[in-house]
PDB file of N, CA and C in Angstrom:
ATOM      1  N   MET A   1       2.955  14.202 -20.705  1.00  0.00           N
ATOM      2  CA  MET A   1       3.367  15.210 -19.754  1.00  0.00           C
ATOM      3  C   MET A   1       4.556  14.662 -18.980  1.00  0.00           C
ATOM      4  N   ARG A   2       5.574  15.481 -18.821  1.00  0.00           N
ATOM      5  CA  ARG A   2       6.789  15.045 -18.141  1.00  0.00           C
ATOM      6  C   ARG A   2       7.359  16.199 -17.328  1.00  0.00           C
ATOM      7  N   ALA A   3       7.685  15.907 -16.059  1.00  0.00           N
ATOM      8  CA  ALA A   3       8.304  16.914 -15.191  1.00  0.00           C
ATOM      9  C   ALA A   3       9.766  17.108 -15.602  1.00  0.00           C
ATOM     10  N   ILE A   4      10.324  18.280 -15.300  1.00  0.00           N
ATOM     11  CA  ILE A   4      11.731  18.543 -15.590  1.00  0.00           C
ATOM     12  C   ILE A   4      12.450  19.016 -14.324  1.00  0.00           C
ATOM     13  N   ASN A   5      13.773  18.937 -14.363  1.00  0.00           N
ATOM     14  CA  ASN A   5      14.648  19.374 -13.277  1.00  0.00           C
ATOM     15  C   ASN A   5      14.251  18.784 -11.925  1.00  0.00           C
ATOM     16  N   TYR A   6      14.013  19.638 -10.925  1.00  0.00           N
ATOM     17  CA  TYR A   6      13.680  19.187  -9.575  1.00  0.00           C
ATOM     18  C   TYR A   6      12.169  19.210  -9.305  1.00  0.00           C
ATOM     19  N   TYR A   7      11.369  19.183 -10.357  1.00  0.00           N
ATOM     20  CA  TYR A   7       9.919  19.224 -10.185  1.00  0.00           C
ATOM     21  C   TYR A   7       9.306  17.833 -10.242  1.00  0.00           C
ATOM     22  N   ILE A   8       8.137  17.725  -9.616  1.00  0.00           N
ATOM     23  CA  ILE A   8       7.403  16.466  -9.539  1.00  0.00           C
ATOM     24  C   ILE A   8       5.944  16.758  -9.884  1.00  0.00           C
ATOM     25  N   VAL A   9       5.352  15.893 -10.699  1.00  0.00           N
ATOM     26  CA  VAL A   9       3.926  15.976 -11.008  1.00  0.00           C
ATOM     27  C   VAL A   9       3.257  14.840 -10.258  1.00  0.00           C
ATOM     28  N   LEU A  10       2.202  15.168  -9.512  1.00  0.00           N
ATOM     29  CA  LEU A  10       1.503  14.123  -8.763  1.00  0.00           C
ATOM     30  C   LEU A  10       0.007  14.340  -8.784  1.00  0.00           C
ATOM     31  N   GLU A  11      -0.691  13.263  -8.483  1.00  0.00           N
ATOM     32  CA  GLU A  11      -2.143  13.288  -8.376  1.00  0.00           C
ATOM     33  C   GLU A  11      -2.478  13.164  -6.899  1.00  0.00           C
ATOM     34  N   LYS A  12      -3.208  14.121  -6.384  1.00  0.00           N
ATOM     35  CA  LYS A  12      -3.557  14.122  -4.960  1.00  0.00           C
ATOM     36  C   LYS A  12      -4.522  12.976  -4.673  1.00  0.00           C
ATOM     37  N   ILE A  13      -4.282  12.280  -3.578  1.00  0.00           N
ATOM     38  CA  ILE A  13      -5.149  11.192  -3.150  1.00  0.00           C
ATOM     39  C   ILE A  13      -6.188  11.776  -2.203  1.00  0.00           C
ATOM     40  N   LYS A  14      -7.431  11.586  -2.546  1.00  0.00           N
ATOM     41  CA  LYS A  14      -8.533  12.091  -1.715  1.00  0.00           C
ATOM     42  C   LYS A  14      -8.580  11.289  -0.422  1.00  0.00           C
ATOM     43  N   GLU A  15      -8.421  11.966   0.700  1.00  0.00           N
ATOM     44  CA  GLU A  15      -8.429  11.309   2.006  1.00  0.00           C
ATOM     45  C   GLU A  15      -9.857  11.185   2.510  1.00  0.00           C
ATOM     46  N   LYS A  16     -10.150  10.072   3.145  1.00  0.00           N
ATOM     47  CA  LYS A  16     -11.453   9.889   3.778  1.00  0.00           C
ATOM     48  C   LYS A  16     -11.485  10.724   5.056  1.00  0.00           C
ATOM     49  N   PRO A  17     -12.667  11.176   5.450  1.00  0.00           N
ATOM     50  CA  PRO A  17     -12.752  11.932   6.709  1.00  0.00           C
ATOM     51  C   PRO A  17     -12.222  11.096   7.879  1.00  0.00           C
ATOM     52  N   LYS A  18     -11.462  11.715   8.731  1.00  0.00           N
ATOM     53  CA  LYS A  18     -10.891  11.025   9.882  1.00  0.00           C
ATOM     54  C   LYS A  18     -11.883  11.066  11.035  1.00  0.00           C
ATOM     55  N   SER A  19     -11.724  10.120  11.953  1.00  0.00           N
ATOM     56  CA  SER A  19     -12.609  10.118  13.117  1.00  0.00           C
ATOM     57  C   SER A  19     -11.774  10.154  14.387  1.00  0.00           C
ATOM     58  N   ASN A  20     -12.387  10.645  15.439  1.00  0.00           N
ATOM     59  CA  ASN A  20     -11.744  10.740  16.742  1.00  0.00           C
ATOM     60  C   ASN A  20     -12.717  10.171  17.771  1.00  0.00           C
ATOM     61  N   ASN A  21     -12.382   9.030  18.329  1.00  0.00           N
ATOM     62  CA  ASN A  21     -13.246   8.366  19.321  1.00  0.00           C
ATOM     63  C   ASN A  21     -14.673   8.164  18.810  1.00  0.00           C
ATOM     64  N   GLY A  22     -14.793   7.797  17.536  1.00  0.00           N
ATOM     65  CA  GLY A  22     -16.107   7.534  16.966  1.00  0.00           C
ATOM     66  C   GLY A  22     -16.789   8.744  16.364  1.00  0.00           C
ATOM     67  N   PHE A  23     -16.258   9.951  16.576  1.00  0.00           N
ATOM     68  CA  PHE A  23     -16.831  11.161  16.005  1.00  0.00           C
ATOM     69  C   PHE A  23     -16.081  11.502  14.732  1.00  0.00           C
ATOM     70  N   GLU A  24     -16.820  11.721  13.664  1.00  0.00           N
ATOM     71  CA  GLU A  24     -16.194  12.072  12.400  1.00  0.00           C
ATOM     72  C   GLU A  24     -15.805  13.546  12.422  1.00  0.00           C
ATOM     73  N   LEU A  25     -14.556  13.827  12.072  1.00  0.00           N
ATOM     74  CA  LEU A  25     -14.080  15.209  12.044  1.00  0.00           C
ATOM     75  C   LEU A  25     -14.599  15.914  10.795  1.00  0.00           C
ATOM     76  N   THR A  26     -14.885  17.184  10.909  1.00  0.00           N
ATOM     77  CA  THR A  26     -15.351  17.952   9.760  1.00  0.00           C
ATOM     78  C   THR A  26     -14.177  18.250   8.840  1.00  0.00           C
ATOM     79  N   GLU A  27     -14.493  18.666   7.631  1.00  0.00           N
ATOM     80  CA  GLU A  27     -13.443  18.992   6.677  1.00  0.00           C
ATOM     81  C   GLU A  27     -12.580  20.146   7.186  1.00  0.00           C
ATOM     82  N   ALA A  28     -13.182  21.102   7.885  1.00  0.00           N
ATOM     83  CA  ALA A  28     -12.422  22.223   8.443  1.00  0.00           C
ATOM     84  C   ALA A  28     -11.414  21.732   9.474  1.00  0.00           C
ATOM     85  N   GLN A  29     -11.793  20.736  10.274  1.00  0.00           N
ATOM     86  CA  GLN A  29     -10.866  20.185  11.261  1.00  0.00           C
ATOM     87  C   GLN A  29      -9.751  19.400  10.577  1.00  0.00           C
ATOM     88  N   ASN A  30     -10.051  18.767   9.451  1.00  0.00           N
ATOM     89  CA  ASN A  30      -9.021  18.047   8.700  1.00  0.00           C
ATOM     90  C   ASN A  30      -8.005  19.005   8.090  1.00  0.00           C
ATOM     91  N   GLU A  31      -8.364  20.288   7.937  1.00  0.00           N
ATOM     92  CA  GLU A  31      -7.444  21.267   7.369  1.00  0.00           C
ATOM     93  C   GLU A  31      -6.265  21.550   8.290  1.00  0.00           C
ATOM     94  N   ASP A  32      -6.358  21.157   9.550  1.00  0.00           N
ATOM     95  CA  ASP A  32      -5.238  21.324  10.470  1.00  0.00           C
ATOM     96  C   ASP A  32      -4.085  20.396  10.122  1.00  0.00           C
ATOM     97  N   ILE A  33      -4.353  19.377   9.336  1.00  0.00           N
ATOM     98  CA  ILE A  33      -3.315  18.437   8.923  1.00  0.00           C
ATOM     99  C   ILE A  33      -2.430  19.137   7.901  1.00  0.00           C
ATOM    100  N   LYS A  34      -1.128  19.122   8.135  1.00  0.00           N
ATOM    101  CA  LYS A  34      -0.197  19.903   7.330  1.00  0.00           C
ATOM    102  C   LYS A  34       0.159  19.249   5.996  1.00  0.00           C
ATOM    103  N   TYR A  35       0.025  17.914   5.901  1.00  0.00           N
ATOM    104  CA  TYR A  35       0.484  17.214   4.697  1.00  0.00           C
ATOM    105  C   TYR A  35      -0.643  16.496   3.982  1.00  0.00           C
ATOM    106  N   SER A  36      -0.482  16.368   2.661  1.00  0.00           N
ATOM    107  CA  SER A  36      -1.422  15.622   1.822  1.00  0.00           C
ATOM    108  C   SER A  36      -0.680  14.443   1.204  1.00  0.00           C
ATOM    109  N   ARG A  37      -1.449  13.430   0.794  1.00  0.00           N
ATOM    110  CA  ARG A  37      -0.874  12.264   0.121  1.00  0.00           C
ATOM    111  C   ARG A  37      -1.084  12.410  -1.378  1.00  0.00           C
ATOM    112  N   GLY A  38      -0.129  11.890  -2.136  1.00  0.00           N
ATOM    113  CA  GLY A  38      -0.256  11.933  -3.580  1.00  0.00           C
ATOM    114  C   GLY A  38       0.468  10.793  -4.248  1.00  0.00           C
ATOM    115  N   LYS A  39       0.015  10.462  -5.447  1.00  0.00           N
ATOM    116  CA  LYS A  39       0.647   9.423  -6.261  1.00  0.00           C
ATOM    117  C   LYS A  39       1.482  10.101  -7.340  1.00  0.00           C
ATOM    118  N   ILE A  40       2.742   9.710  -7.441  1.00  0.00           N
ATOM    119  CA  ILE A  40       3.659  10.326  -8.394  1.00  0.00           C
ATOM    120  C   ILE A  40       3.292   9.937  -9.821  1.00  0.00           C
ATOM    121  N   ILE A  41       3.179  10.937 -10.675  1.00  0.00           N
ATOM    122  CA  ILE A  41       2.888  10.736 -12.088  1.00  0.00           C
ATOM    123  C   ILE A  41       4.167  10.855 -12.913  1.00  0.00           C
ATOM    124  N   SER A  42       5.004  11.844 -12.567  1.00  0.00           N
ATOM    125  CA  SER A  42       6.250  12.073 -13.304  1.00  0.00           C
ATOM    126  C   SER A  42       7.244  12.801 -12.404  1.00  0.00           C
ATOM    127  N   VAL A  43       8.532  12.483 -12.556  1.00  0.00           N
ATOM    128  CA  VAL A  43       9.587  13.177 -11.816  1.00  0.00           C
ATOM    129  C   VAL A  43      10.609  13.731 -12.799  1.00  0.00           C
ATOM    130  N   GLY A  44      11.185  14.873 -12.446  1.00  0.00           N
ATOM    131  CA  GLY A  44      12.221  15.466 -13.273  1.00  0.00           C
ATOM    132  C   GLY A  44      13.502  14.651 -13.241  1.00  0.00           C
ATOM    133  N   GLU A  45      14.358  14.882 -14.207  1.00  0.00           N
ATOM    134  CA  GLU A  45      15.598  14.098 -14.343  1.00  0.00           C
ATOM    135  C   GLU A  45      16.587  14.320 -13.192  1.00  0.00           C
ATOM    136  N   LYS A  46      16.451  15.388 -12.424  1.00  0.00           N
ATOM    137  CA  LYS A  46      17.362  15.651 -11.306  1.00  0.00           C
ATOM    138  C   LYS A  46      16.834  15.135  -9.961  1.00  0.00           C
ATOM    139  N   VAL A  47      15.638  14.549  -9.952  1.00  0.00           N
ATOM    140  CA  VAL A  47      15.031  14.028  -8.722  1.00  0.00           C
ATOM    141  C   VAL A  47      15.554  12.619  -8.470  1.00  0.00           C
ATOM    142  N   GLU A  48      16.051  12.391  -7.250  1.00  0.00           N
ATOM    143  CA  GLU A  48      16.543  11.063  -6.864  1.00  0.00           C
ATOM    144  C   GLU A  48      15.718  10.542  -5.690  1.00  0.00           C
ATOM    145  N   GLY A  49      15.547   9.234  -5.607  1.00  0.00           N
ATOM    146  CA  GLY A  49      14.866   8.616  -4.485  1.00  0.00           C
ATOM    147  C   GLY A  49      13.355   8.549  -4.604  1.00  0.00           C
ATOM    148  N   ILE A  50      12.804   9.076  -5.681  1.00  0.00           N
ATOM    149  CA  ILE A  50      11.363   9.040  -5.917  1.00  0.00           C
ATOM    150  C   ILE A  50      11.158   8.609  -7.358  1.00  0.00           C
ATOM    151  N   LYS A  51      10.186   7.713  -7.554  1.00  0.00           N
ATOM    152  CA  LYS A  51       9.911   7.258  -8.917  1.00  0.00           C
ATOM    153  C   LYS A  51       8.410   7.258  -9.182  1.00  0.00           C
ATOM    154  N   LYS A  52       8.054   7.085 -10.432  1.00  0.00           N
ATOM    155  CA  LYS A  52       6.649   7.046 -10.833  1.00  0.00           C
ATOM    156  C   LYS A  52       5.899   5.989 -10.024  1.00  0.00           C
ATOM    157  N   ASP A  53       4.670   6.292  -9.655  1.00  0.00           N
ATOM    158  CA  ASP A  53       3.751   5.435  -8.899  1.00  0.00           C
ATOM    159  C   ASP A  53       4.054   5.347  -7.405  1.00  0.00           C
ATOM    160  N   ASP A  54       5.111   6.009  -6.907  1.00  0.00           N
ATOM    161  CA  ASP A  54       5.335   6.084  -5.466  1.00  0.00           C
ATOM    162  C   ASP A  54       4.221   6.907  -4.828  1.00  0.00           C
ATOM    163  N   ILE A  55       3.927   6.615  -3.568  1.00  0.00           N
ATOM    164  CA  ILE A  55       2.981   7.409  -2.787  1.00  0.00           C
ATOM    165  C   ILE A  55       3.815   8.256  -1.825  1.00  0.00           C
ATOM    166  N   VAL A  56       3.545   9.566  -1.796  1.00  0.00           N
ATOM    167  CA  VAL A  56       4.330  10.481  -0.972  1.00  0.00           C
ATOM    168  C   VAL A  56       3.415  11.345  -0.121  1.00  0.00           C
ATOM    169  N   LEU A  57       3.978  11.893   0.946  1.00  0.00           N
ATOM    170  CA  LEU A  57       3.341  12.969   1.701  1.00  0.00           C
ATOM    171  C   LEU A  57       4.049  14.254   1.295  1.00  0.00           C
ATOM    172  N   PHE A  58       3.274  15.296   1.024  1.00  0.00           N
ATOM    173  CA  PHE A  58       3.858  16.568   0.607  1.00  0.00           C
ATOM    174  C   PHE A  58       3.138  17.708   1.312  1.00  0.00           C
ATOM    175  N   ASN A  59       3.807  18.838   1.399  1.00  0.00           N
ATOM    176  CA  ASN A  59       3.237  20.028   2.028  1.00  0.00           C
ATOM    177  C   ASN A  59       1.964  20.413   1.294  1.00  0.00           C
ATOM    178  N   ARG A  60       0.841  20.463   2.002  1.00  0.00           N
ATOM    179  CA  ARG A  60      -0.458  20.679   1.368  1.00  0.00           C
ATOM    180  C   ARG A  60      -0.583  22.043   0.683  1.00  0.00           C
ATOM    181  N   ASN A  61       0.248  23.010   1.053  1.00  0.00           N
ATOM    182  CA  ASN A  61       0.187  24.337   0.434  1.00  0.00           C
ATOM    183  C   ASN A  61       1.198  24.503  -0.692  1.00  0.00           C
ATOM    184  N   ALA A  62       1.872  23.437  -1.053  1.00  0.00           N
ATOM    185  CA  ALA A  62       2.949  23.515  -2.035  1.00  0.00           C
ATOM    186  C   ALA A  62       2.432  23.482  -3.465  1.00  0.00           C
ATOM    187  N   GLY A  63       3.225  24.074  -4.345  1.00  0.00           N
ATOM    188  CA  GLY A  63       3.029  23.914  -5.772  1.00  0.00           C
ATOM    189  C   GLY A  63       1.821  24.591  -6.373  1.00  0.00           C
ATOM    190  N   ASN A  64       1.545  24.148  -7.583  1.00  0.00           N
ATOM    191  CA  ASN A  64       0.449  24.699  -8.373  1.00  0.00           C
ATOM    192  C   ASN A  64      -0.378  23.562  -8.947  1.00  0.00           C
ATOM    193  N   ILE A  65      -1.646  23.838  -9.189  1.00  0.00           N
ATOM    194  CA  ILE A  65      -2.531  22.861  -9.806  1.00  0.00           C
ATOM    195  C   ILE A  65      -2.578  23.140 -11.305  1.00  0.00           C
ATOM    196  N   ILE A  66      -2.478  22.069 -12.093  1.00  0.00           N
ATOM    197  CA  ILE A  66      -2.618  22.205 -13.544  1.00  0.00           C
ATOM    198  C   ILE A  66      -3.685  21.230 -14.028  1.00  0.00           C
ATOM    199  N   GLU A  67      -4.278  21.562 -15.152  1.00  0.00           N
ATOM    200  CA  GLU A  67      -5.241  20.655 -15.781  1.00  0.00           C
ATOM    201  C   GLU A  67      -4.589  20.086 -17.035  1.00  0.00           C
ATOM    202  N   TRP A  68      -4.651  18.765 -17.170  1.00  0.00           N
ATOM    203  CA  TRP A  68      -4.060  18.098 -18.329  1.00  0.00           C
ATOM    204  C   TRP A  68      -5.004  16.982 -18.757  1.00  0.00           C
ATOM    205  N   ASP A  69      -5.475  17.026 -19.969  1.00  0.00           N
ATOM    206  CA  ASP A  69      -6.397  16.016 -20.505  1.00  0.00           C
ATOM    207  C   ASP A  69      -7.612  15.807 -19.605  1.00  0.00           C
ATOM    208  N   GLY A  70      -8.144  16.882 -19.038  1.00  0.00           N
ATOM    209  CA  GLY A  70      -9.343  16.798 -18.223  1.00  0.00           C
ATOM    210  C   GLY A  70      -9.122  16.359 -16.791  1.00  0.00           C
ATOM    211  N   ASN A  71      -7.875  16.125 -16.387  1.00  0.00           N
ATOM    212  CA  ASN A  71      -7.553  15.737 -15.008  1.00  0.00           C
ATOM    213  C   ASN A  71      -6.739  16.843 -14.349  1.00  0.00           C
ATOM    214  N   TYR A  72      -6.821  16.915 -13.018  1.00  0.00           N
ATOM    215  CA  TYR A  72      -6.064  17.915 -12.268  1.00  0.00           C
ATOM    216  C   TYR A  72      -4.876  17.263 -11.581  1.00  0.00           C
ATOM    217  N   TYR A  73      -3.718  17.917 -11.688  1.00  0.00           N
ATOM    218  CA  TYR A  73      -2.477  17.433 -11.102  1.00  0.00           C
ATOM    219  C   TYR A  73      -1.805  18.564 -10.339  1.00  0.00           C
ATOM    220  N   TYR A  74      -0.926  18.194  -9.416  1.00  0.00           N
ATOM    221  CA  TYR A  74      -0.119  19.160  -8.683  1.00  0.00           C
ATOM    222  C   TYR A  74       1.302  19.105  -9.228  1.00  0.00           C
ATOM    223  N   VAL A  75       1.914  20.271  -9.376  1.00  0.00           N
ATOM    224  CA  VAL A  75       3.325  20.369  -9.726  1.00  0.00           C
ATOM    225  C   VAL A  75       4.009  20.967  -8.513  1.00  0.00           C
ATOM    226  N   ILE A  76       4.916  20.186  -7.898  1.00  0.00           N
ATOM    227  CA  ILE A  76       5.595  20.636  -6.692  1.00  0.00           C
ATOM    228  C   ILE A  76       7.106  20.483  -6.873  1.00  0.00           C
ATOM    229  N   GLY A  77       7.855  21.152  -6.002  1.00  0.00           N
ATOM    230  CA  GLY A  77       9.294  21.002  -5.984  1.00  0.00           C
ATOM    231  C   GLY A  77       9.694  19.842  -5.118  1.00  0.00           C
ATOM    232  N   LEU A  78      10.872  19.292  -5.347  1.00  0.00           N
ATOM    233  CA  LEU A  78      11.378  18.157  -4.575  1.00  0.00           C
ATOM    234  C   LEU A  78      11.393  18.456  -3.081  1.00  0.00           C
ATOM    235  N   GLY A  79      11.696  19.675  -2.684  1.00  0.00           N
ATOM    236  CA  GLY A  79      11.777  20.042  -1.273  1.00  0.00           C
ATOM    237  C   GLY A  79      10.455  20.004  -0.537  1.00  0.00           C
ATOM    238  N   ASP A  80       9.337  19.904  -1.264  1.00  0.00           N
ATOM    239  CA  ASP A  80       8.024  19.854  -0.625  1.00  0.00           C
ATOM    240  C   ASP A  80       7.598  18.432  -0.256  1.00  0.00           C
ATOM    241  N   VAL A  81       8.356  17.435  -0.703  1.00  0.00           N
ATOM    242  CA  VAL A  81       8.067  16.041  -0.350  1.00  0.00           C
ATOM    243  C   VAL A  81       8.742  15.740   0.979  1.00  0.00           C
ATOM    244  N   VAL A  82       7.976  15.176   1.923  1.00  0.00           N
ATOM    245  CA  VAL A  82       8.540  14.897   3.240  1.00  0.00           C
ATOM    246  C   VAL A  82       8.699  13.394   3.515  1.00  0.00           C
ATOM    247  N   ILE A  83       7.860  12.555   2.893  1.00  0.00           N
ATOM    248  CA  ILE A  83       7.924  11.111   3.125  1.00  0.00           C
ATOM    249  C   ILE A  83       7.570  10.373   1.847  1.00  0.00           C
ATOM    250  N   VAL A  84       8.307   9.307   1.546  1.00  0.00           N
ATOM    251  CA  VAL A  84       7.940   8.376   0.491  1.00  0.00           C
ATOM    252  C   VAL A  84       7.477   7.105   1.178  1.00  0.00           C
ATOM    253  N   GLU A  85       6.244   6.675   0.909  1.00  0.00           N
ATOM    254  CA  GLU A  85       5.722   5.463   1.557  1.00  0.00           C
ATOM    255  C   GLU A  85       6.267   4.210   0.900  1.00  0.00           C
TER     256      GLU A  85
END
């Protein structure tokens, strides 16, 4: 599987529940967080500054989910990436 143009294929990193002053936040409260973390699987040939295996923050509502070889991946546009760790 290979991304093309300005698209990126990534695997979403499952975040652990966050806590606030010792209280664990519910999943609904975690939904207020605007960005998700993901590991880059493939980048299109027009994408610069991001490479395979980078960890990024991306808009949690971006892109589409695809299934490939029994695994689920996100396909997003370059503009949905906000930070490369």
